Amino acid sequence: MMGEKSILDLQIIVSAGGCVSVDANDYSPVELNLIASAGKKSNGKIIIRNADNLKTMDCRMIALQNPGNVTFNFQSKPL
C-alpha cells in the first residue's frame, strides 16, 4: 500500500535536505530504505510513524541507510 506521495516524490524531497514523515503501514521496508538513503548526502530526514509494525532488523537496515537522520515513532499517536 502506498501513501499519497510516490516513492520518487519522497526521495526528491529528502535528497534536497527535507524532512518527511511517513506511516510504516503505507510503505514496504524496501521502500522506506530507498527514501532514507536518498537523504544521506544532504542530511535529509525521515520520520517513520507506526514503526512498531516493522521488524527490528528492518528498522536497523533503514537506519543504516542514513545514520542519525531516521526517526522511528513506536507510538500509535503522532508526535
PDB file of N, CA and C in Angstrom:
ATOM      1  N   MET A   1       0.850  -1.173   0.000  1.00  0.00           N
ATOM      2  CA  MET A   1       0.000   0.000   0.000  1.00  0.00           C
ATOM      3  C   MET A   1       0.898   1.239   0.000  1.00  0.00           C
ATOM      4  N   MET A   2       0.496   2.259  -0.714  1.00  0.00           N
ATOM      5  CA  MET A   2       1.329   3.441  -0.837  1.00  0.00           C
ATOM      6  C   MET A   2       0.606   4.670  -0.303  1.00  0.00           C
ATOM      7  N   GLY A   3       1.377   5.581   0.270  1.00  0.00           N
ATOM      8  CA  GLY A   3       0.823   6.829   0.778  1.00  0.00           C
ATOM      9  C   GLY A   3       0.475   7.773  -0.356  1.00  0.00           C
ATOM     10  N   GLU A   4       0.164   9.010  -0.021  1.00  0.00           N
ATOM     11  CA  GLU A   4      -0.243   9.991  -1.023  1.00  0.00           C
ATOM     12  C   GLU A   4       0.888  10.382  -1.956  1.00  0.00           C
ATOM     13  N   LYS A   5       2.114  10.432  -1.441  1.00  0.00           N
ATOM     14  CA  LYS A   5       3.275  10.786  -2.268  1.00  0.00           C
ATOM     15  C   LYS A   5       3.946   9.511  -2.768  1.00  0.00           C
ATOM     16  N   SER A   6       4.449   9.576  -3.988  1.00  0.00           N
ATOM     17  CA  SER A   6       5.160   8.421  -4.522  1.00  0.00           C
ATOM     18  C   SER A   6       6.535   8.313  -3.867  1.00  0.00           C
ATOM     19  N   ILE A   7       7.150   7.166  -4.023  1.00  0.00           N
ATOM     20  CA  ILE A   7       8.499   6.952  -3.505  1.00  0.00           C
ATOM     21  C   ILE A   7       9.442   7.976  -4.127  1.00  0.00           C
ATOM     22  N   LEU A   8       9.318   8.199  -5.408  1.00  0.00           N
ATOM     23  CA  LEU A   8      10.191   9.153  -6.100  1.00  0.00           C
ATOM     24  C   LEU A   8       9.997  10.566  -5.547  1.00  0.00           C
ATOM     25  N   ASP A   9       8.750  10.975  -5.313  1.00  0.00           N
ATOM     26  CA  ASP A   9       8.475  12.296  -4.729  1.00  0.00           C
ATOM     27  C   ASP A   9       9.182  12.445  -3.385  1.00  0.00           C
ATOM     28  N   LEU A  10       9.059  11.437  -2.544  1.00  0.00           N
ATOM     29  CA  LEU A  10       9.669  11.480  -1.219  1.00  0.00           C
ATOM     30  C   LEU A  10      11.191  11.483  -1.303  1.00  0.00           C
ATOM     31  N   GLN A  11      11.740  10.719  -2.229  1.00  0.00           N
ATOM     32  CA  GLN A  11      13.193  10.705  -2.430  1.00  0.00           C
ATOM     33  C   GLN A  11      13.696  12.083  -2.858  1.00  0.00           C
ATOM     34  N   ILE A  12      12.971  12.737  -3.723  1.00  0.00           N
ATOM     35  CA  ILE A  12      13.358  14.075  -4.196  1.00  0.00           C
ATOM     36  C   ILE A  12      13.368  15.061  -3.033  1.00  0.00           C
ATOM     37  N   ILE A  13      12.347  15.000  -2.198  1.00  0.00           N
ATOM     38  CA  ILE A  13      12.265  15.907  -1.048  1.00  0.00           C
ATOM     39  C   ILE A  13      13.414  15.660  -0.077  1.00  0.00           C
ATOM     40  N   VAL A  14      13.646  14.404   0.250  1.00  0.00           N
ATOM     41  CA  VAL A  14      14.689  14.057   1.210  1.00  0.00           C
ATOM     42  C   VAL A  14      16.083  14.349   0.632  1.00  0.00           C
ATOM     43  N   SER A  15      16.268  14.118  -0.651  1.00  0.00           N
ATOM     44  CA  SER A  15      17.586  14.367  -1.261  1.00  0.00           C
ATOM     45  C   SER A  15      17.921  15.855  -1.301  1.00  0.00           C
ATOM     46  N   ALA A  16      16.905  16.707  -1.188  1.00  0.00           N
ATOM     47  CA  ALA A  16      17.130  18.155  -1.147  1.00  0.00           C
ATOM     48  C   ALA A  16      17.353  18.646   0.283  1.00  0.00           C
ATOM     49  N   GLY A  17      17.399  17.718   1.240  1.00  0.00           N
ATOM     50  CA  GLY A  17      17.626  18.083   2.626  1.00  0.00           C
ATOM     51  C   GLY A  17      16.351  18.231   3.429  1.00  0.00           C
ATOM     52  N   GLY A  18      15.238  17.861   2.831  1.00  0.00           N
ATOM     53  CA  GLY A  18      13.957  17.970   3.527  1.00  0.00           C
ATOM     54  C   GLY A  18      13.750  16.853   4.530  1.00  0.00           C
ATOM     55  N   CYS A  19      12.701  17.013   5.307  1.00  0.00           N
ATOM     56  CA  CYS A  19      12.311  16.005   6.292  1.00  0.00           C
ATOM     57  C   CYS A  19      10.887  15.567   5.953  1.00  0.00           C
ATOM     58  N   VAL A  20      10.690  14.273   5.826  1.00  0.00           N
ATOM     59  CA  VAL A  20       9.356  13.749   5.539  1.00  0.00           C
ATOM     60  C   VAL A  20       8.923  12.824   6.669  1.00  0.00           C
ATOM     61  N   SER A  21       7.635  12.777   6.896  1.00  0.00           N
ATOM     62  CA  SER A  21       7.046  11.887   7.889  1.00  0.00           C
ATOM     63  C   SER A  21       6.121  10.935   7.150  1.00  0.00           C
ATOM     64  N   VAL A  22       6.364   9.648   7.323  1.00  0.00           N
ATOM     65  CA  VAL A  22       5.573   8.641   6.612  1.00  0.00           C
ATOM     66  C   VAL A  22       5.067   7.595   7.598  1.00  0.00           C
ATOM     67  N   ASP A  23       4.028   6.899   7.198  1.00  0.00           N
ATOM     68  CA  ASP A  23       3.455   5.829   8.008  1.00  0.00           C
ATOM     69  C   ASP A  23       4.031   4.502   7.526  1.00  0.00           C
ATOM     70  N   ALA A  24       4.551   3.710   8.451  1.00  0.00           N
ATOM     71  CA  ALA A  24       5.137   2.413   8.097  1.00  0.00           C
ATOM     72  C   ALA A  24       4.118   1.486   7.445  1.00  0.00           C
ATOM     73  N   ASN A  25       2.848   1.732   7.693  1.00  0.00           N
ATOM     74  CA  ASN A  25       1.805   0.894   7.093  1.00  0.00           C
ATOM     75  C   ASN A  25       1.600   1.191   5.612  1.00  0.00           C
ATOM     76  N   ASP A  26       2.090   2.342   5.153  1.00  0.00           N
ATOM     77  CA  ASP A  26       1.869   2.741   3.764  1.00  0.00           C
ATOM     78  C   ASP A  26       3.010   2.358   2.819  1.00  0.00           C
ATOM     79  N   TYR A  27       4.151   1.974   3.372  1.00  0.00           N
ATOM     80  CA  TYR A  27       5.332   1.682   2.552  1.00  0.00           C
ATOM     81  C   TYR A  27       6.016   0.418   3.046  1.00  0.00           C
ATOM     82  N   SER A  28       6.572  -0.345   2.127  1.00  0.00           N
ATOM     83  CA  SER A  28       7.298  -1.561   2.496  1.00  0.00           C
ATOM     84  C   SER A  28       8.658  -1.185   3.084  1.00  0.00           C
ATOM     85  N   PRO A  29       9.303  -2.088   3.812  1.00  0.00           N
ATOM     86  CA  PRO A  29      10.649  -1.815   4.313  1.00  0.00           C
ATOM     87  C   PRO A  29      11.639  -1.447   3.202  1.00  0.00           C
ATOM     88  N   VAL A  30      11.515  -2.061   2.060  1.00  0.00           N
ATOM     89  CA  VAL A  30      12.402  -1.742   0.928  1.00  0.00           C
ATOM     90  C   VAL A  30      12.167  -0.303   0.472  1.00  0.00           C
ATOM     91  N   GLU A  31      10.916   0.108   0.392  1.00  0.00           N
ATOM     92  CA  GLU A  31      10.602   1.484   0.002  1.00  0.00           C
ATOM     93  C   GLU A  31      11.118   2.483   1.039  1.00  0.00           C
ATOM     94  N   LEU A  32      10.987   2.151   2.315  1.00  0.00           N
ATOM     95  CA  LEU A  32      11.499   3.020   3.369  1.00  0.00           C
ATOM     96  C   LEU A  32      13.019   3.139   3.299  1.00  0.00           C
ATOM     97  N   ASN A  33      13.689   2.046   2.952  1.00  0.00           N
ATOM     98  CA  ASN A  33      15.142   2.069   2.723  1.00  0.00           C
ATOM     99  C   ASN A  33      15.503   3.050   1.624  1.00  0.00           C
ATOM    100  N   LEU A  34      14.757   3.017   0.545  1.00  0.00           N
ATOM    101  CA  LEU A  34      15.033   3.889  -0.597  1.00  0.00           C
ATOM    102  C   LEU A  34      14.842   5.358  -0.226  1.00  0.00           C
ATOM    103  N   ILE A  35      13.794   5.640   0.523  1.00  0.00           N
ATOM    104  CA  ILE A  35      13.535   7.023   0.941  1.00  0.00           C
ATOM    105  C   ILE A  35      14.645   7.497   1.872  1.00  0.00           C
ATOM    106  N   ALA A  36      14.993   6.674   2.857  1.00  0.00           N
ATOM    107  CA  ALA A  36      16.030   7.050   3.823  1.00  0.00           C
ATOM    108  C   ALA A  36      17.374   7.275   3.134  1.00  0.00           C
ATOM    109  N   SER A  37      17.733   6.399   2.222  1.00  0.00           N
ATOM    110  CA  SER A  37      19.048   6.505   1.571  1.00  0.00           C
ATOM    111  C   SER A  37      19.160   7.750   0.696  1.00  0.00           C
ATOM    112  N   ALA A  38      18.035   8.274   0.238  1.00  0.00           N
ATOM    113  CA  ALA A  38      18.062   9.475  -0.608  1.00  0.00           C
ATOM    114  C   ALA A  38      18.601  10.690   0.135  1.00  0.00           C
ATOM    115  N   GLY A  39      18.520  10.686   1.457  1.00  0.00           N
ATOM    116  CA  GLY A  39      18.961  11.836   2.238  1.00  0.00           C
ATOM    117  C   GLY A  39      20.369  11.747   2.786  1.00  0.00           C
ATOM    118  N   LYS A  40      21.088  10.708   2.433  1.00  0.00           N
ATOM    119  CA  LYS A  40      22.412  10.501   3.025  1.00  0.00           C
ATOM    120  C   LYS A  40      23.377  11.656   2.746  1.00  0.00           C
ATOM    121  N   LYS A  41      23.448  12.132   1.522  1.00  0.00           N
ATOM    122  CA  LYS A  41      24.388  13.208   1.171  1.00  0.00           C
ATOM    123  C   LYS A  41      23.910  14.577   1.635  1.00  0.00           C
ATOM    124  N   SER A  42      22.597  14.770   1.743  1.00  0.00           N
ATOM    125  CA  SER A  42      22.036  16.087   2.068  1.00  0.00           C
ATOM    126  C   SER A  42      21.607  16.225   3.526  1.00  0.00           C
ATOM    127  N   ASN A  43      21.773  15.152   4.298  1.00  0.00           N
ATOM    128  CA  ASN A  43      21.276  15.099   5.679  1.00  0.00           C
ATOM    129  C   ASN A  43      19.760  15.225   5.750  1.00  0.00           C
ATOM    130  N   GLY A  44      19.084  14.824   4.674  1.00  0.00           N
ATOM    131  CA  GLY A  44      17.624  14.787   4.688  1.00  0.00           C
ATOM    132  C   GLY A  44      17.151  13.756   5.696  1.00  0.00           C
ATOM    133  N   LYS A  45      15.976  13.976   6.231  1.00  0.00           N
ATOM    134  CA  LYS A  45      15.489  13.135   7.320  1.00  0.00           C
ATOM    135  C   LYS A  45      14.162  12.459   6.982  1.00  0.00           C
ATOM    136  N   ILE A  46      13.943  11.339   7.656  1.00  0.00           N
ATOM    137  CA  ILE A  46      12.671  10.633   7.533  1.00  0.00           C
ATOM    138  C   ILE A  46      12.197  10.252   8.934  1.00  0.00           C
ATOM    139  N   ILE A  47      10.924  10.510   9.180  1.00  0.00           N
ATOM    140  CA  ILE A  47      10.271  10.085  10.419  1.00  0.00           C
ATOM    141  C   ILE A  47       9.290   8.985  10.022  1.00  0.00           C
ATOM    142  N   ILE A  48       9.420   7.848  10.673  1.00  0.00           N
ATOM    143  CA  ILE A  48       8.561   6.711  10.345  1.00  0.00           C
ATOM    144  C   ILE A  48       7.594   6.473  11.499  1.00  0.00           C
ATOM    145  N   ARG A  49       6.324   6.786  11.246  1.00  0.00           N
ATOM    146  CA  ARG A  49       5.274   6.559  12.241  1.00  0.00           C
ATOM    147  C   ARG A  49       4.827   5.099  12.202  1.00  0.00           C
ATOM    148  N   ASN A  50       4.240   4.641  13.283  1.00  0.00           N
ATOM    149  CA  ASN A  50       3.775   3.252  13.390  1.00  0.00           C
ATOM    150  C   ASN A  50       4.906   2.261  13.127  1.00  0.00           C
ATOM    151  N   ALA A  51       6.091   2.614  13.572  1.00  0.00           N
ATOM    152  CA  ALA A  51       7.265   1.769  13.338  1.00  0.00           C
ATOM    153  C   ALA A  51       7.196   0.459  14.110  1.00  0.00           C
ATOM    154  N   ASP A  52       6.300   0.381  15.088  1.00  0.00           N
ATOM    155  CA  ASP A  52       6.152  -0.873  15.819  1.00  0.00           C
ATOM    156  C   ASP A  52       5.675  -1.996  14.909  1.00  0.00           C
ATOM    157  N   ASN A  53       5.197  -1.652  13.726  1.00  0.00           N
ATOM    158  CA  ASN A  53       4.774  -2.662  12.758  1.00  0.00           C
ATOM    159  C   ASN A  53       5.931  -3.198  11.926  1.00  0.00           C
ATOM    160  N   LEU A  54       7.130  -2.633  12.107  1.00  0.00           N
ATOM    161  CA  LEU A  54       8.313  -3.104  11.387  1.00  0.00           C
ATOM    162  C   LEU A  54       9.104  -4.072  12.260  1.00  0.00           C
ATOM    163  N   LYS A  55       9.775  -5.009  11.622  1.00  0.00           N
ATOM    164  CA  LYS A  55      10.669  -5.904  12.353  1.00  0.00           C
ATOM    165  C   LYS A  55      11.913  -5.122  12.762  1.00  0.00           C
ATOM    166  N   THR A  56      12.529  -5.543  13.845  1.00  0.00           N
ATOM    167  CA  THR A  56      13.733  -4.880  14.347  1.00  0.00           C
ATOM    168  C   THR A  56      14.824  -4.832  13.290  1.00  0.00           C
ATOM    169  N   MET A  57      15.029  -5.893  12.570  1.00  0.00           N
ATOM    170  CA  MET A  57      16.072  -5.920  11.537  1.00  0.00           C
ATOM    171  C   MET A  57      15.744  -4.970  10.390  1.00  0.00           C
ATOM    172  N   ASP A  58      14.466  -4.798  10.083  1.00  0.00           N
ATOM    173  CA  ASP A  58      14.073  -3.819   9.064  1.00  0.00           C
ATOM    174  C   ASP A  58      14.425  -2.408   9.544  1.00  0.00           C
ATOM    175  N   CYS A  59      14.134  -2.115  10.820  1.00  0.00           N
ATOM    176  CA  CYS A  59      14.475  -0.801  11.382  1.00  0.00           C
ATOM    177  C   CYS A  59      15.986  -0.580  11.310  1.00  0.00           C
ATOM    178  N   ARG A  60      16.743  -1.585  11.634  1.00  0.00           N
ATOM    179  CA  ARG A  60      18.207  -1.480  11.592  1.00  0.00           C
ATOM    180  C   ARG A  60      18.688  -1.161  10.180  1.00  0.00           C
ATOM    181  N   MET A  61      18.160  -1.871   9.208  1.00  0.00           N
ATOM    182  CA  MET A  61      18.587  -1.664   7.819  1.00  0.00           C
ATOM    183  C   MET A  61      18.199  -0.273   7.325  1.00  0.00           C
ATOM    184  N   ILE A  62      17.033   0.198   7.696  1.00  0.00           N
ATOM    185  CA  ILE A  62      16.602   1.542   7.302  1.00  0.00           C
ATOM    186  C   ILE A  62      17.504   2.582   7.955  1.00  0.00           C
ATOM    187  N   ALA A  63      17.774   2.418   9.245  1.00  0.00           N
ATOM    188  CA  ALA A  63      18.632   3.365   9.970  1.00  0.00           C
ATOM    189  C   ALA A  63      20.035   3.416   9.373  1.00  0.00           C
ATOM    190  N   LEU A  64      20.554   2.296   8.927  1.00  0.00           N
ATOM    191  CA  LEU A  64      21.891   2.251   8.328  1.00  0.00           C
ATOM    192  C   LEU A  64      21.978   3.023   7.012  1.00  0.00           C
ATOM    193  N   GLN A  65      20.855   3.242   6.368  1.00  0.00           N
ATOM    194  CA  GLN A  65      20.844   3.966   5.095  1.00  0.00           C
ATOM    195  C   GLN A  65      21.181   5.444   5.273  1.00  0.00           C
ATOM    196  N   ASN A  66      20.874   5.994   6.470  1.00  0.00           N
ATOM    197  CA  ASN A  66      21.063   7.432   6.707  1.00  0.00           C
ATOM    198  C   ASN A  66      21.241   7.654   8.211  1.00  0.00           C
ATOM    199  N   PRO A  67      22.380   7.215   8.761  1.00  0.00           N
ATOM    200  CA  PRO A  67      22.582   7.244  10.208  1.00  0.00           C
ATOM    201  C   PRO A  67      22.338   8.626  10.832  1.00  0.00           C
ATOM    202  N   GLY A  68      21.576   8.627  11.905  1.00  0.00           N
ATOM    203  CA  GLY A  68      21.284   9.849  12.638  1.00  0.00           C
ATOM    204  C   GLY A  68      20.148  10.676  12.066  1.00  0.00           C
ATOM    205  N   ASN A  69      19.623  10.267  10.929  1.00  0.00           N
ATOM    206  CA  ASN A  69      18.577  11.047  10.266  1.00  0.00           C
ATOM    207  C   ASN A  69      17.281  10.272  10.063  1.00  0.00           C
ATOM    208  N   VAL A  70      17.164   9.147  10.740  1.00  0.00           N
ATOM    209  CA  VAL A  70      15.942   8.347  10.669  1.00  0.00           C
ATOM    210  C   VAL A  70      15.352   8.281  12.077  1.00  0.00           C
ATOM    211  N   THR A  71      14.099   8.680  12.200  1.00  0.00           N
ATOM    212  CA  THR A  71      13.413   8.632  13.489  1.00  0.00           C
ATOM    213  C   THR A  71      12.282   7.608  13.393  1.00  0.00           C
ATOM    214  N   PHE A  72      12.260   6.708  14.368  1.00  0.00           N
ATOM    215  CA  PHE A  72      11.203   5.713  14.430  1.00  0.00           C
ATOM    216  C   PHE A  72      10.250   6.074  15.557  1.00  0.00           C
ATOM    217  N   ASN A  73       8.986   6.242  15.227  1.00  0.00           N
ATOM    218  CA  ASN A  73       7.956   6.523  16.221  1.00  0.00           C
ATOM    219  C   ASN A  73       7.233   5.209  16.496  1.00  0.00           C
ATOM    220  N   PHE A  74       7.450   4.674  17.682  1.00  0.00           N
ATOM    221  CA  PHE A  74       6.846   3.393  18.042  1.00  0.00           C
ATOM    222  C   PHE A  74       5.517   3.579  18.771  1.00  0.00           C
ATOM    223  N   GLN A  75       4.981   4.782  18.746  1.00  0.00           N
ATOM    224  CA  GLN A  75       3.678   5.059  19.347  1.00  0.00           C
ATOM    225  C   GLN A  75       2.655   5.142  18.231  1.00  0.00           C
ATOM    226  N   SER A  76       1.429   4.792  18.543  1.00  0.00           N
ATOM    227  CA  SER A  76       0.388   4.882  17.520  1.00  0.00           C
ATOM    228  C   SER A  76      -0.119   6.307  17.358  1.00  0.00           C
ATOM    229  N   LYS A  77       0.188   7.196  18.317  1.00  0.00           N
ATOM    230  CA  LYS A  77      -0.244   8.585  18.223  1.00  0.00           C
ATOM    231  C   LYS A  77       0.856   9.413  17.564  1.00  0.00           C
ATOM    232  N   PRO A  78       0.501  10.443  16.794  1.00  0.00           N
ATOM    233  CA  PRO A  78       1.515  11.296  16.160  1.00  0.00           C
ATOM    234  C   PRO A  78       2.365  12.030  17.206  1.00  0.00           C
ATOM    235  N   LEU A  79       3.580  12.362  16.803  1.00  0.00           N
ATOM    236  CA  LEU A  79       4.484  13.133  17.685  1.00  0.00           C
ATOM    237  C   LEU A  79       3.961  14.535  17.863  1.00  0.00           C
TER     238      LEU A  79
END
